[in-house]
N, C-alpha and C. Protein backbone atom coordinates (compact mmCIF):
# COMPACT_ATOMS: atom_id res chain seq x y z
N UNK A 1 0.82 -1.19 0.00
CA UNK A 1 0.00 0.00 0.00
C UNK A 1 0.87 1.26 0.00
N UNK A 2 1.95 1.29 0.77
CA UNK A 2 2.84 2.45 0.77
C UNK A 2 3.50 2.54 -0.59
N UNK A 3 3.52 3.74 -1.14
CA UNK A 3 4.07 3.97 -2.47
C UNK A 3 3.04 3.81 -3.57
N UNK A 4 1.84 3.36 -3.23
CA UNK A 4 0.79 3.16 -4.22
C UNK A 4 0.21 4.51 -4.64
N UNK A 5 0.10 4.70 -5.97
CA UNK A 5 -0.55 5.90 -6.47
C UNK A 5 -2.06 5.70 -6.42
N UNK A 6 -2.77 6.74 -6.00
CA UNK A 6 -4.22 6.64 -5.86
C UNK A 6 -4.91 7.84 -6.50
N UNK A 7 -6.13 7.61 -6.91
CA UNK A 7 -7.04 8.67 -7.35
C UNK A 7 -8.37 8.34 -6.68
N UNK A 8 -8.74 9.11 -5.66
CA UNK A 8 -9.93 8.79 -4.88
C UNK A 8 -10.85 10.01 -4.75
N UNK A 9 -12.13 9.72 -4.74
CA UNK A 9 -13.14 10.75 -4.49
C UNK A 9 -13.58 10.63 -3.05
N UNK A 10 -13.86 11.76 -2.44
CA UNK A 10 -14.33 11.74 -1.07
C UNK A 10 -14.76 13.11 -0.62
N UNK A 11 -14.85 13.25 0.69
CA UNK A 11 -15.32 14.49 1.31
C UNK A 11 -14.26 15.00 2.27
N UNK A 12 -14.00 16.31 2.22
CA UNK A 12 -13.09 16.93 3.17
C UNK A 12 -13.79 16.97 4.54
N UNK A 13 -13.11 16.43 5.55
CA UNK A 13 -13.68 16.35 6.90
C UNK A 13 -12.61 16.69 7.93
N UNK A 14 -13.06 16.93 9.15
CA UNK A 14 -12.15 16.98 10.30
C UNK A 14 -11.90 15.52 10.68
N UNK A 15 -10.64 15.13 10.73
CA UNK A 15 -10.33 13.73 11.03
C UNK A 15 -10.75 13.35 12.44
N UNK A 16 -11.33 12.15 12.60
CA UNK A 16 -11.74 11.71 13.93
C UNK A 16 -10.54 11.27 14.76
N UNK A 17 -10.62 11.45 16.05
CA UNK A 17 -9.57 11.00 16.96
C UNK A 17 -9.66 9.49 17.17
N UNK A 18 -8.51 8.85 17.39
CA UNK A 18 -8.49 7.42 17.70
C UNK A 18 -9.13 7.16 19.05
N UNK A 19 -8.75 7.97 20.03
CA UNK A 19 -9.26 7.80 21.40
C UNK A 19 -10.54 8.61 21.52
N UNK A 20 -11.63 7.94 21.77
CA UNK A 20 -12.93 8.59 21.78
C UNK A 20 -13.41 8.96 23.18
N UNK A 21 -12.69 8.51 24.22
CA UNK A 21 -13.09 8.79 25.59
C UNK A 21 -12.24 9.91 26.17
N UNK A 22 -12.73 10.50 27.22
CA UNK A 22 -11.98 11.56 27.88
C UNK A 22 -12.10 12.88 27.14
N UNK A 23 -11.35 13.88 27.60
CA UNK A 23 -11.42 15.20 26.98
C UNK A 23 -10.87 15.17 25.55
N UNK A 24 -11.48 15.91 24.67
CA UNK A 24 -11.05 16.02 23.28
C UNK A 24 -10.72 17.48 22.98
N UNK A 25 -9.68 17.67 22.18
CA UNK A 25 -9.38 19.03 21.74
C UNK A 25 -10.30 19.38 20.59
N UNK A 26 -10.43 20.65 20.29
CA UNK A 26 -11.33 21.10 19.25
C UNK A 26 -10.64 21.40 17.93
N UNK A 27 -9.35 21.08 17.81
CA UNK A 27 -8.67 21.37 16.56
C UNK A 27 -9.25 20.52 15.44
N UNK A 28 -9.11 21.01 14.23
CA UNK A 28 -9.64 20.29 13.07
C UNK A 28 -8.49 20.02 12.12
N UNK A 29 -8.05 18.78 12.07
CA UNK A 29 -7.06 18.37 11.09
C UNK A 29 -7.83 17.90 9.86
N UNK A 30 -7.70 18.64 8.76
CA UNK A 30 -8.45 18.28 7.56
C UNK A 30 -7.92 17.01 6.94
N UNK A 31 -8.84 16.16 6.51
CA UNK A 31 -8.50 14.92 5.86
C UNK A 31 -9.59 14.54 4.88
N UNK A 32 -9.53 13.31 4.39
CA UNK A 32 -10.46 12.83 3.38
C UNK A 32 -11.21 11.61 3.90
N UNK A 33 -12.54 11.65 3.78
CA UNK A 33 -13.37 10.49 4.09
C UNK A 33 -13.89 9.95 2.77
N UNK A 34 -13.59 8.67 2.49
CA UNK A 34 -14.06 8.09 1.23
C UNK A 34 -15.35 7.32 1.48
N UNK A 35 -16.00 6.91 0.39
CA UNK A 35 -17.34 6.30 0.46
C UNK A 35 -17.40 5.09 1.38
N UNK A 36 -16.32 4.33 1.48
CA UNK A 36 -16.31 3.14 2.34
C UNK A 36 -16.30 3.49 3.82
N UNK A 37 -16.17 4.79 4.13
CA UNK A 37 -16.18 5.22 5.52
C UNK A 37 -14.81 5.26 6.16
N UNK A 38 -13.76 5.10 5.36
CA UNK A 38 -12.41 5.17 5.91
C UNK A 38 -11.83 6.57 5.68
N UNK A 39 -10.84 6.90 6.49
CA UNK A 39 -10.27 8.23 6.49
C UNK A 39 -8.80 8.19 6.09
N UNK A 40 -8.36 9.23 5.38
CA UNK A 40 -6.96 9.42 5.02
C UNK A 40 -6.52 10.80 5.48
N UNK A 41 -5.30 10.86 6.01
CA UNK A 41 -4.68 12.15 6.24
C UNK A 41 -4.17 12.65 4.89
N UNK A 42 -4.06 13.96 4.75
CA UNK A 42 -3.58 14.56 3.50
C UNK A 42 -2.36 15.40 3.81
N UNK A 43 -1.32 15.20 3.01
CA UNK A 43 -0.05 15.88 3.23
C UNK A 43 0.34 16.61 1.95
N UNK A 44 0.81 17.84 2.11
CA UNK A 44 1.33 18.57 0.97
C UNK A 44 0.29 19.36 0.20
N UNK A 45 -0.91 19.46 0.71
CA UNK A 45 -1.95 20.25 0.03
C UNK A 45 -2.27 21.44 0.90
N UNK A 46 -2.53 22.55 0.28
CA UNK A 46 -2.93 23.72 1.07
C UNK A 46 -4.45 23.71 1.18
N UNK A 47 -4.95 22.77 1.97
CA UNK A 47 -6.38 22.55 2.09
C UNK A 47 -7.09 23.68 2.82
N UNK A 48 -6.46 24.20 3.85
CA UNK A 48 -7.13 25.18 4.70
C UNK A 48 -7.55 26.41 3.91
N UNK A 49 -6.74 26.81 2.95
CA UNK A 49 -7.06 28.00 2.17
C UNK A 49 -8.02 27.71 1.02
N UNK A 50 -8.07 26.48 0.57
CA UNK A 50 -8.80 26.17 -0.65
C UNK A 50 -10.10 25.41 -0.46
N UNK A 51 -10.21 24.66 0.65
CA UNK A 51 -11.35 23.76 0.80
C UNK A 51 -11.96 23.90 2.19
N UNK A 52 -13.23 23.55 2.26
CA UNK A 52 -13.96 23.57 3.53
C UNK A 52 -14.45 22.17 3.84
N UNK A 53 -14.71 21.90 5.11
CA UNK A 53 -15.30 20.61 5.44
C UNK A 53 -16.62 20.48 4.69
N UNK A 54 -16.88 19.29 4.21
CA UNK A 54 -18.09 19.04 3.44
C UNK A 54 -17.88 19.12 1.94
N UNK A 55 -16.78 19.72 1.49
CA UNK A 55 -16.49 19.78 0.05
C UNK A 55 -16.25 18.39 -0.49
N UNK A 56 -16.83 18.09 -1.64
CA UNK A 56 -16.58 16.83 -2.35
C UNK A 56 -15.42 17.06 -3.29
N UNK A 57 -14.41 16.18 -3.21
CA UNK A 57 -13.18 16.38 -3.97
C UNK A 57 -12.67 15.07 -4.58
N UNK A 58 -11.79 15.22 -5.57
CA UNK A 58 -11.00 14.11 -6.10
C UNK A 58 -9.55 14.40 -5.75
N UNK A 59 -8.91 13.46 -5.06
CA UNK A 59 -7.52 13.60 -4.65
C UNK A 59 -6.67 12.62 -5.47
N UNK A 60 -5.58 13.14 -6.01
CA UNK A 60 -4.60 12.31 -6.71
C UNK A 60 -3.30 12.44 -5.95
N UNK A 61 -2.68 11.29 -5.65
CA UNK A 61 -1.42 11.33 -4.92
C UNK A 61 -0.88 9.95 -4.65
N UNK A 62 0.05 9.87 -3.72
CA UNK A 62 0.74 8.63 -3.38
C UNK A 62 0.59 8.38 -1.89
N UNK A 63 0.25 7.14 -1.53
CA UNK A 63 0.17 6.78 -0.11
C UNK A 63 1.60 6.71 0.41
N UNK A 64 1.89 7.52 1.44
CA UNK A 64 3.25 7.62 1.94
C UNK A 64 3.48 6.92 3.26
N UNK A 65 2.43 6.70 4.06
CA UNK A 65 2.60 5.99 5.32
C UNK A 65 1.25 5.63 5.90
N UNK A 66 1.27 4.68 6.82
CA UNK A 66 0.02 4.30 7.48
C UNK A 66 -0.25 5.17 8.69
N UNK A 67 0.77 5.86 9.17
CA UNK A 67 0.65 6.80 10.28
C UNK A 67 0.08 6.16 11.54
N UNK A 68 0.63 5.02 11.93
CA UNK A 68 0.17 4.30 13.11
C UNK A 68 0.31 5.13 14.39
N UNK A 69 1.24 6.07 14.42
CA UNK A 69 1.47 6.89 15.60
C UNK A 69 0.51 8.08 15.69
N UNK A 70 -0.26 8.30 14.65
CA UNK A 70 -1.15 9.45 14.61
C UNK A 70 -2.22 9.37 15.69
N UNK A 71 -2.66 10.53 16.16
CA UNK A 71 -3.77 10.55 17.11
C UNK A 71 -5.10 10.51 16.38
N UNK A 72 -5.05 10.49 15.05
CA UNK A 72 -6.27 10.45 14.25
C UNK A 72 -6.51 9.04 13.71
N UNK A 73 -7.76 8.70 13.54
CA UNK A 73 -8.17 7.37 13.10
C UNK A 73 -8.15 7.31 11.57
N UNK A 74 -6.95 7.16 11.00
CA UNK A 74 -6.77 7.11 9.55
C UNK A 74 -6.16 5.79 9.13
N UNK A 75 -6.44 5.38 7.89
CA UNK A 75 -5.83 4.16 7.36
C UNK A 75 -4.53 4.45 6.65
N UNK A 76 -4.26 5.71 6.37
CA UNK A 76 -3.02 6.08 5.70
C UNK A 76 -2.96 7.58 5.47
N UNK A 77 -1.85 8.00 4.90
CA UNK A 77 -1.64 9.41 4.57
C UNK A 77 -1.32 9.49 3.08
N UNK A 78 -1.99 10.39 2.39
CA UNK A 78 -1.77 10.59 0.97
C UNK A 78 -0.92 11.84 0.77
N UNK A 79 0.22 11.68 0.07
CA UNK A 79 1.02 12.83 -0.36
C UNK A 79 0.31 13.35 -1.61
N UNK A 80 -0.30 14.50 -1.48
CA UNK A 80 -1.21 15.01 -2.50
C UNK A 80 -0.44 15.63 -3.67
N UNK A 81 -0.79 15.16 -4.88
CA UNK A 81 -0.28 15.78 -6.10
C UNK A 81 -1.26 16.83 -6.60
N UNK A 82 -2.58 16.52 -6.49
CA UNK A 82 -3.60 17.49 -6.88
C UNK A 82 -4.91 17.19 -6.16
N UNK A 83 -5.69 18.25 -5.97
CA UNK A 83 -7.02 18.14 -5.39
C UNK A 83 -7.95 18.95 -6.28
N UNK A 84 -9.05 18.32 -6.66
CA UNK A 84 -10.03 18.98 -7.53
C UNK A 84 -11.40 18.94 -6.85
N UNK A 85 -12.02 20.10 -6.75
CA UNK A 85 -13.37 20.15 -6.18
C UNK A 85 -14.35 19.59 -7.22
N UNK A 86 -15.22 18.70 -6.77
CA UNK A 86 -16.19 18.08 -7.67
C UNK A 86 -17.48 18.88 -7.69
N UNK A 87 -18.09 18.96 -8.84
CA UNK A 87 -19.36 19.63 -8.99
C UNK A 87 -20.44 18.71 -8.43
N UNK A 88 -21.17 19.15 -7.42
CA UNK A 88 -22.15 18.29 -6.76
C UNK A 88 -23.58 18.62 -7.18
N UNK A 89 -23.75 19.29 -8.29
CA UNK A 89 -25.10 19.64 -8.75
C UNK A 89 -25.73 18.48 -9.49
């Protein structure tokens, strides 16, 4: 999976935390939720300036790590080559 090039459609979301109990911080790390309900971290994209949570997008990039140490519940991290907002009309 690491090094695999991907082209996936999904929704920009605040990534969920792995630990669901106890106090939670309110920060929003933007990531991608795909139709299967899995989440990916996104690296190398200027998402904060260009996209909002809820935006439907197509991401093209390379899976660079599974990010097992992350505090977010993701299956991997995509090194983003491009992000395109999808027309949802």
